[in-house]
Amino acid sequence: MLAEELLTTSPTPEAVAAEVARLPPPPPEALEALRRTLASSEQAPMEREWPPVLQAPRNKKDSRYVEPATSHRPVVGPALVLAKRAFRLAFQPFINEMLRRQVEFNEAILDSLATVYEHQQVQARTQALWRKELEERLARLEKKG
């Protein structure tokens, strides 16, 4: 279906407005329930903090840099640490360039996961509200019946 097929001039906007004006006003309790539902379903602002489940991966997203060199060996340990530091110092620009795309990928994946997490949280809140509303309707129906 094309967008042009969706456009129509019939009925006119004036005719639609006239039909809407003829509708009976909704009951006040229905208006109040709709207002509450709309107020509670407003999108919450994005969290400033990263979700706890993504905090640890976020701290490790940049694979170009590692913890300072250490060694558990008592005799040759200091020499190994010195060699590791010298290697890093000499080859760090090459390491950075080789891992640059991996770091960009890690950042993109973490951003996507944060978006999915946020959407999941919104969906969970929405489902809880719908469930509450359905339980209230069911309770009202049980009282009537």
N, C-alpha and C. Protein backbone atom coordinates (compact mmCIF):
# COMPACT_ATOMS: atom_id res chain seq x y z
N MET A 1 0.84 -1.18 0.00
CA MET A 1 0.00 0.00 0.00
C MET A 1 0.89 1.24 0.00
N LEU A 2 0.56 2.19 -0.82
CA LEU A 2 1.31 3.42 -0.93
C LEU A 2 0.71 4.49 -0.04
N ALA A 3 1.52 5.46 0.33
CA ALA A 3 1.03 6.55 1.18
C ALA A 3 -0.07 7.34 0.49
N GLU A 4 0.02 7.47 -0.82
CA GLU A 4 -1.00 8.22 -1.56
C GLU A 4 -2.37 7.54 -1.45
N GLU A 5 -2.38 6.22 -1.32
CA GLU A 5 -3.64 5.49 -1.21
C GLU A 5 -4.31 5.71 0.14
N LEU A 6 -3.53 6.13 1.13
CA LEU A 6 -4.09 6.36 2.46
C LEU A 6 -4.73 7.74 2.58
N LEU A 7 -4.32 8.66 1.75
CA LEU A 7 -4.87 10.01 1.81
C LEU A 7 -6.27 10.04 1.20
N THR A 8 -7.16 10.77 1.83
CA THR A 8 -8.53 10.85 1.33
C THR A 8 -9.09 12.24 1.59
N THR A 9 -10.04 12.63 0.78
CA THR A 9 -10.73 13.91 0.99
C THR A 9 -12.16 13.68 1.44
N SER A 10 -12.54 12.43 1.56
CA SER A 10 -13.89 12.11 1.97
C SER A 10 -13.83 11.23 3.19
N PRO A 11 -14.43 11.53 4.27
CA PRO A 11 -15.23 12.72 4.57
C PRO A 11 -14.33 13.93 4.84
N THR A 12 -14.92 15.07 4.75
CA THR A 12 -14.17 16.30 4.97
C THR A 12 -13.91 16.48 6.46
N PRO A 13 -12.90 17.26 6.80
CA PRO A 13 -12.63 17.50 8.22
C PRO A 13 -13.83 18.14 8.93
N GLU A 14 -14.57 18.97 8.24
CA GLU A 14 -15.74 19.60 8.85
C GLU A 14 -16.80 18.56 9.19
N ALA A 15 -16.99 17.58 8.30
CA ALA A 15 -17.97 16.52 8.55
C ALA A 15 -17.55 15.66 9.74
N VAL A 16 -16.27 15.36 9.85
CA VAL A 16 -15.78 14.59 10.99
C VAL A 16 -15.98 15.38 12.28
N ALA A 17 -15.68 16.69 12.26
CA ALA A 17 -15.86 17.52 13.45
C ALA A 17 -17.33 17.58 13.85
N ALA A 18 -18.23 17.64 12.87
CA ALA A 18 -19.65 17.68 13.16
C ALA A 18 -20.12 16.37 13.80
N GLU A 19 -19.61 15.24 13.32
CA GLU A 19 -19.98 13.94 13.90
C GLU A 19 -19.43 13.81 15.32
N VAL A 20 -18.25 14.29 15.54
CA VAL A 20 -17.66 14.24 16.89
C VAL A 20 -18.46 15.12 17.84
N ALA A 21 -18.94 16.25 17.37
CA ALA A 21 -19.72 17.15 18.22
C ALA A 21 -21.04 16.48 18.65
N ARG A 22 -21.56 15.55 17.85
CA ARG A 22 -22.82 14.88 18.18
C ARG A 22 -22.64 13.74 19.18
N LEU A 23 -21.44 13.35 19.42
CA LEU A 23 -21.20 12.25 20.37
C LEU A 23 -21.61 12.69 21.78
N PRO A 24 -22.15 11.78 22.59
CA PRO A 24 -22.51 12.14 23.96
C PRO A 24 -21.24 12.32 24.79
N PRO A 25 -21.29 13.19 25.78
CA PRO A 25 -20.09 13.38 26.61
C PRO A 25 -19.84 12.12 27.45
N PRO A 26 -18.58 11.78 27.65
CA PRO A 26 -18.28 10.59 28.45
C PRO A 26 -18.57 10.86 29.93
N PRO A 27 -18.81 9.80 30.69
CA PRO A 27 -19.05 9.99 32.12
C PRO A 27 -17.79 10.53 32.81
N PRO A 28 -17.98 11.31 33.88
CA PRO A 28 -16.81 11.92 34.55
C PRO A 28 -15.81 10.89 35.08
N GLU A 29 -16.30 9.73 35.56
CA GLU A 29 -15.36 8.73 36.09
C GLU A 29 -14.51 8.13 34.97
N ALA A 30 -15.08 8.03 33.76
CA ALA A 30 -14.30 7.53 32.63
C ALA A 30 -13.22 8.55 32.24
N LEU A 31 -13.58 9.83 32.28
CA LEU A 31 -12.58 10.87 31.98
C LEU A 31 -11.45 10.85 33.00
N GLU A 32 -11.82 10.71 34.28
CA GLU A 32 -10.79 10.70 35.33
C GLU A 32 -9.91 9.46 35.19
N ALA A 33 -10.49 8.31 34.87
CA ALA A 33 -9.70 7.09 34.68
C ALA A 33 -8.74 7.25 33.51
N LEU A 34 -9.22 7.88 32.44
CA LEU A 34 -8.36 8.11 31.28
C LEU A 34 -7.23 9.08 31.62
N ARG A 35 -7.55 10.12 32.38
CA ARG A 35 -6.50 11.07 32.80
C ARG A 35 -5.43 10.36 33.65
N ARG A 36 -5.87 9.51 34.58
CA ARG A 36 -4.90 8.78 35.42
C ARG A 36 -4.04 7.86 34.57
N THR A 37 -4.68 7.17 33.63
CA THR A 37 -3.92 6.25 32.78
C THR A 37 -2.91 7.01 31.93
N LEU A 38 -3.33 8.12 31.36
CA LEU A 38 -2.40 8.90 30.55
C LEU A 38 -1.27 9.49 31.38
N ALA A 39 -1.59 9.95 32.58
CA ALA A 39 -0.55 10.52 33.44
C ALA A 39 0.46 9.46 33.85
N SER A 40 -0.03 8.25 34.14
CA SER A 40 0.90 7.21 34.58
C SER A 40 1.68 6.59 33.43
N SER A 41 1.17 6.72 32.22
CA SER A 41 1.86 6.11 31.08
C SER A 41 2.82 7.07 30.38
N GLU A 42 2.94 8.28 30.89
CA GLU A 42 3.90 9.19 30.28
C GLU A 42 5.29 8.58 30.38
N GLN A 43 6.05 8.77 29.35
CA GLN A 43 7.38 8.19 29.33
C GLN A 43 8.24 8.84 30.39
N ALA A 44 8.81 8.01 31.22
CA ALA A 44 9.71 8.49 32.26
C ALA A 44 11.00 8.96 31.60
N PRO A 45 11.66 9.95 32.19
CA PRO A 45 12.92 10.39 31.61
C PRO A 45 13.96 9.27 31.66
N MET A 46 14.84 9.28 30.67
CA MET A 46 15.87 8.26 30.61
C MET A 46 16.72 8.33 31.88
N GLU A 47 17.08 7.16 32.36
CA GLU A 47 17.91 7.11 33.56
C GLU A 47 19.29 7.68 33.25
N ARG A 48 19.80 8.45 34.19
CA ARG A 48 21.14 9.00 34.00
C ARG A 48 22.20 7.93 34.26
N GLU A 49 21.94 7.09 35.26
CA GLU A 49 22.87 6.02 35.59
C GLU A 49 22.65 4.84 34.67
N TRP A 50 23.70 4.12 34.40
CA TRP A 50 23.58 2.91 33.61
C TRP A 50 22.90 1.86 34.47
N PRO A 51 22.15 0.95 33.85
CA PRO A 51 21.52 -0.13 34.61
C PRO A 51 22.59 -0.94 35.34
N PRO A 52 22.28 -1.43 36.51
CA PRO A 52 23.29 -2.18 37.28
C PRO A 52 23.83 -3.39 36.52
N VAL A 53 22.98 -4.05 35.74
CA VAL A 53 23.42 -5.23 35.02
C VAL A 53 24.44 -4.89 33.93
N LEU A 54 24.46 -3.64 33.48
CA LEU A 54 25.41 -3.23 32.43
C LEU A 54 26.58 -2.41 32.97
N GLN A 55 26.61 -2.17 34.26
CA GLN A 55 27.67 -1.34 34.83
C GLN A 55 29.05 -2.01 34.70
N ALA A 56 29.14 -3.29 35.03
CA ALA A 56 30.43 -3.98 34.93
C ALA A 56 30.94 -4.06 33.49
N PRO A 57 30.09 -4.45 32.51
CA PRO A 57 30.60 -4.45 31.12
C PRO A 57 30.98 -3.06 30.64
N ARG A 58 30.27 -2.05 31.11
CA ARG A 58 30.59 -0.68 30.68
C ARG A 58 31.99 -0.28 31.16
N ASN A 59 32.34 -0.74 32.35
CA ASN A 59 33.67 -0.41 32.88
C ASN A 59 34.78 -1.13 32.13
N LYS A 60 34.43 -2.18 31.38
CA LYS A 60 35.44 -2.97 30.65
C LYS A 60 35.33 -2.82 29.14
N LYS A 61 34.56 -1.85 28.66
CA LYS A 61 34.31 -1.75 27.22
C LYS A 61 35.55 -1.40 26.42
N ASP A 62 36.49 -0.67 27.02
CA ASP A 62 37.68 -0.27 26.28
C ASP A 62 38.76 -1.32 26.49
N SER A 63 38.90 -2.20 25.51
CA SER A 63 39.84 -3.31 25.62
C SER A 63 41.28 -2.92 25.27
N ARG A 64 41.51 -1.65 24.97
CA ARG A 64 42.87 -1.23 24.62
C ARG A 64 43.76 -1.09 25.85
N TYR A 65 43.16 -0.87 26.98
CA TYR A 65 43.95 -0.63 28.18
C TYR A 65 43.68 -1.71 29.20
N VAL A 66 44.73 -2.18 29.81
CA VAL A 66 44.61 -3.25 30.80
C VAL A 66 45.08 -2.73 32.15
N GLU A 67 44.89 -3.57 33.14
CA GLU A 67 45.37 -3.22 34.48
C GLU A 67 46.89 -3.11 34.46
N PRO A 68 47.46 -2.39 35.41
CA PRO A 68 48.93 -2.30 35.47
C PRO A 68 49.56 -3.69 35.59
N ALA A 69 50.70 -3.84 34.99
CA ALA A 69 51.39 -5.12 34.98
C ALA A 69 51.82 -5.52 36.39
N THR A 70 51.59 -6.78 36.71
CA THR A 70 52.02 -7.34 38.00
C THR A 70 52.55 -8.74 37.76
N SER A 71 53.19 -9.28 38.76
CA SER A 71 53.67 -10.65 38.68
C SER A 71 53.68 -11.25 40.08
N HIS A 72 53.32 -12.51 40.17
CA HIS A 72 53.32 -13.20 41.46
C HIS A 72 54.64 -13.92 41.72
N ARG A 73 55.55 -13.91 40.76
CA ARG A 73 56.82 -14.62 40.89
C ARG A 73 57.78 -13.78 41.75
N PRO A 74 58.35 -14.39 42.77
CA PRO A 74 59.18 -13.60 43.69
C PRO A 74 60.53 -13.18 43.12
N VAL A 75 61.19 -14.02 42.36
CA VAL A 75 62.56 -13.70 41.92
C VAL A 75 62.56 -12.95 40.58
N VAL A 76 61.90 -13.51 39.57
CA VAL A 76 61.93 -12.90 38.24
C VAL A 76 60.75 -11.96 38.01
N GLY A 77 59.88 -11.83 39.01
CA GLY A 77 58.69 -10.99 38.87
C GLY A 77 58.98 -9.56 38.49
N PRO A 78 59.88 -8.86 39.20
CA PRO A 78 60.16 -7.47 38.83
C PRO A 78 60.69 -7.32 37.40
N ALA A 79 61.47 -8.27 36.95
CA ALA A 79 61.98 -8.20 35.57
C ALA A 79 60.84 -8.40 34.56
N LEU A 80 59.93 -9.31 34.86
CA LEU A 80 58.78 -9.53 33.98
C LEU A 80 57.88 -8.30 33.93
N VAL A 81 57.67 -7.69 35.08
CA VAL A 81 56.84 -6.49 35.11
C VAL A 81 57.49 -5.39 34.29
N LEU A 82 58.80 -5.23 34.42
CA LEU A 82 59.53 -4.23 33.65
C LEU A 82 59.41 -4.52 32.15
N ALA A 83 59.52 -5.80 31.76
CA ALA A 83 59.42 -6.17 30.34
C ALA A 83 58.00 -5.90 29.83
N LYS A 84 56.99 -6.24 30.63
CA LYS A 84 55.60 -5.98 30.21
C LYS A 84 55.36 -4.49 30.03
N ARG A 85 55.85 -3.70 30.95
CA ARG A 85 55.66 -2.24 30.85
C ARG A 85 56.38 -1.68 29.63
N ALA A 86 57.58 -2.15 29.37
CA ALA A 86 58.33 -1.68 28.20
C ALA A 86 57.62 -2.07 26.91
N PHE A 87 57.12 -3.31 26.85
CA PHE A 87 56.38 -3.76 25.67
C PHE A 87 55.16 -2.88 25.44
N ARG A 88 54.40 -2.64 26.50
CA ARG A 88 53.21 -1.79 26.38
C ARG A 88 53.57 -0.38 25.93
N LEU A 89 54.59 0.16 26.52
CA LEU A 89 55.00 1.53 26.17
C LEU A 89 55.40 1.61 24.70
N ALA A 90 56.12 0.61 24.21
CA ALA A 90 56.59 0.64 22.83
C ALA A 90 55.47 0.37 21.82
N PHE A 91 54.55 -0.53 22.16
CA PHE A 91 53.56 -0.97 21.18
C PHE A 91 52.14 -0.45 21.44
N GLN A 92 51.96 0.42 22.41
CA GLN A 92 50.62 0.90 22.72
C GLN A 92 49.92 1.56 21.53
N PRO A 93 50.58 2.39 20.71
CA PRO A 93 49.88 2.97 19.55
C PRO A 93 49.35 1.90 18.58
N PHE A 94 50.13 0.83 18.38
CA PHE A 94 49.68 -0.25 17.50
C PHE A 94 48.53 -1.03 18.12
N ILE A 95 48.63 -1.26 19.42
CA ILE A 95 47.55 -1.96 20.13
C ILE A 95 46.27 -1.15 20.04
N ASN A 96 46.38 0.16 20.25
CA ASN A 96 45.19 1.02 20.18
C ASN A 96 44.54 0.96 18.80
N GLU A 97 45.35 1.00 17.76
CA GLU A 97 44.80 1.00 16.41
C GLU A 97 44.17 -0.35 16.08
N MET A 98 44.79 -1.43 16.51
CA MET A 98 44.24 -2.76 16.23
C MET A 98 42.91 -2.98 16.95
N LEU A 99 42.76 -2.42 18.13
CA LEU A 99 41.56 -2.66 18.93
C LEU A 99 40.53 -1.53 18.82
N ARG A 100 40.79 -0.52 18.00
CA ARG A 100 39.87 0.62 17.89
C ARG A 100 38.48 0.18 17.46
N ARG A 101 38.39 -0.63 16.43
CA ARG A 101 37.06 -1.06 15.95
C ARG A 101 36.35 -1.95 16.97
N GLN A 102 37.12 -2.74 17.72
CA GLN A 102 36.51 -3.56 18.77
C GLN A 102 35.90 -2.67 19.85
N VAL A 103 36.59 -1.61 20.20
CA VAL A 103 36.08 -0.68 21.21
C VAL A 103 34.81 0.00 20.70
N GLU A 104 34.80 0.42 19.44
CA GLU A 104 33.59 1.03 18.86
C GLU A 104 32.43 0.05 18.87
N PHE A 105 32.71 -1.21 18.55
CA PHE A 105 31.67 -2.23 18.57
C PHE A 105 31.15 -2.43 19.99
N ASN A 106 32.06 -2.52 20.94
CA ASN A 106 31.64 -2.69 22.34
C ASN A 106 30.74 -1.54 22.79
N GLU A 107 31.10 -0.32 22.43
CA GLU A 107 30.28 0.84 22.81
C GLU A 107 28.90 0.76 22.17
N ALA A 108 28.84 0.39 20.89
CA ALA A 108 27.55 0.29 20.20
C ALA A 108 26.68 -0.80 20.82
N ILE A 109 27.27 -1.93 21.14
CA ILE A 109 26.51 -3.02 21.76
C ILE A 109 26.00 -2.59 23.13
N LEU A 110 26.83 -1.94 23.91
CA LEU A 110 26.38 -1.50 25.24
C LEU A 110 25.26 -0.47 25.14
N ASP A 111 25.36 0.45 24.18
CA ASP A 111 24.28 1.42 23.99
C ASP A 111 22.98 0.73 23.59
N SER A 112 23.10 -0.27 22.71
CA SER A 112 21.91 -1.02 22.29
C SER A 112 21.31 -1.79 23.47
N LEU A 113 22.15 -2.40 24.26
CA LEU A 113 21.66 -3.13 25.43
C LEU A 113 20.99 -2.20 26.44
N ALA A 114 21.55 -1.01 26.60
CA ALA A 114 20.93 -0.05 27.51
C ALA A 114 19.56 0.38 26.99
N THR A 115 19.44 0.55 25.67
CA THR A 115 18.14 0.90 25.08
C THR A 115 17.14 -0.24 25.27
N VAL A 116 17.58 -1.46 25.02
CA VAL A 116 16.70 -2.62 25.21
C VAL A 116 16.27 -2.72 26.67
N TYR A 117 17.20 -2.50 27.58
CA TYR A 117 16.89 -2.56 29.01
C TYR A 117 15.84 -1.50 29.37
N GLU A 118 16.02 -0.30 28.86
CA GLU A 118 15.08 0.78 29.15
C GLU A 118 13.69 0.46 28.59
N HIS A 119 13.64 -0.06 27.35
CA HIS A 119 12.36 -0.44 26.75
C HIS A 119 11.69 -1.54 27.57
N GLN A 120 12.48 -2.48 28.05
CA GLN A 120 11.94 -3.57 28.86
C GLN A 120 11.35 -3.02 30.15
N GLN A 121 12.00 -2.04 30.75
CA GLN A 121 11.50 -1.43 31.98
C GLN A 121 10.18 -0.71 31.71
N VAL A 122 10.10 0.02 30.59
CA VAL A 122 8.87 0.72 30.24
C VAL A 122 7.75 -0.29 30.00
N GLN A 123 8.05 -1.37 29.29
CA GLN A 123 7.04 -2.40 29.03
C GLN A 123 6.57 -3.03 30.33
N ALA A 124 7.46 -3.28 31.25
CA ALA A 124 7.08 -3.87 32.53
C ALA A 124 6.15 -2.94 33.30
N ARG A 125 6.47 -1.63 33.30
CA ARG A 125 5.59 -0.66 33.98
C ARG A 125 4.22 -0.61 33.32
N THR A 126 4.21 -0.61 31.99
CA THR A 126 2.95 -0.55 31.25
C THR A 126 2.10 -1.79 31.52
N GLN A 127 2.72 -2.95 31.52
CA GLN A 127 1.98 -4.18 31.79
C GLN A 127 1.44 -4.19 33.21
N ALA A 128 2.20 -3.67 34.15
CA ALA A 128 1.71 -3.61 35.53
C ALA A 128 0.49 -2.69 35.62
N LEU A 129 0.52 -1.57 34.92
CA LEU A 129 -0.62 -0.67 34.92
C LEU A 129 -1.84 -1.31 34.27
N TRP A 130 -1.63 -1.99 33.15
CA TRP A 130 -2.74 -2.67 32.48
C TRP A 130 -3.34 -3.75 33.38
N ARG A 131 -2.47 -4.50 34.04
CA ARG A 131 -2.95 -5.55 34.93
C ARG A 131 -3.77 -4.96 36.07
N LYS A 132 -3.29 -3.86 36.63
CA LYS A 132 -4.02 -3.20 37.72
C LYS A 132 -5.39 -2.73 37.22
N GLU A 133 -5.41 -2.12 36.04
CA GLU A 133 -6.67 -1.64 35.47
C GLU A 133 -7.64 -2.80 35.22
N LEU A 134 -7.13 -3.92 34.68
CA LEU A 134 -7.99 -5.07 34.43
C LEU A 134 -8.51 -5.68 35.73
N GLU A 135 -7.68 -5.71 36.76
CA GLU A 135 -8.13 -6.22 38.05
C GLU A 135 -9.22 -5.33 38.64
N GLU A 136 -9.07 -4.01 38.47
CA GLU A 136 -10.11 -3.08 38.95
C GLU A 136 -11.41 -3.29 38.19
N ARG A 137 -11.32 -3.45 36.87
CA ARG A 137 -12.53 -3.71 36.07
C ARG A 137 -13.20 -5.02 36.48
N LEU A 138 -12.39 -6.05 36.70
CA LEU A 138 -12.92 -7.34 37.10
C LEU A 138 -13.61 -7.22 38.47
N ALA A 139 -13.00 -6.49 39.38
CA ALA A 139 -13.61 -6.30 40.70
C ALA A 139 -14.95 -5.58 40.58
N ARG A 140 -15.01 -4.57 39.70
CA ARG A 140 -16.29 -3.84 39.50
C ARG A 140 -17.34 -4.76 38.90
N LEU A 141 -16.94 -5.60 37.94
CA LEU A 141 -17.88 -6.54 37.34
C LEU A 141 -18.38 -7.58 38.34
N GLU A 142 -17.48 -8.03 39.21
CA GLU A 142 -17.88 -9.01 40.22
C GLU A 142 -18.86 -8.39 41.22
N LYS A 143 -18.67 -7.09 41.54
CA LYS A 143 -19.59 -6.42 42.45
C LYS A 143 -20.98 -6.28 41.82
N LYS A 144 -21.03 -6.00 40.52
CA LYS A 144 -22.32 -5.84 39.82
C LYS A 144 -23.02 -7.20 39.69
N GLY A 145 -22.28 -8.27 39.46
CA GLY A 145 -22.86 -9.58 39.18
C GLY A 145 -23.11 -10.37 40.37
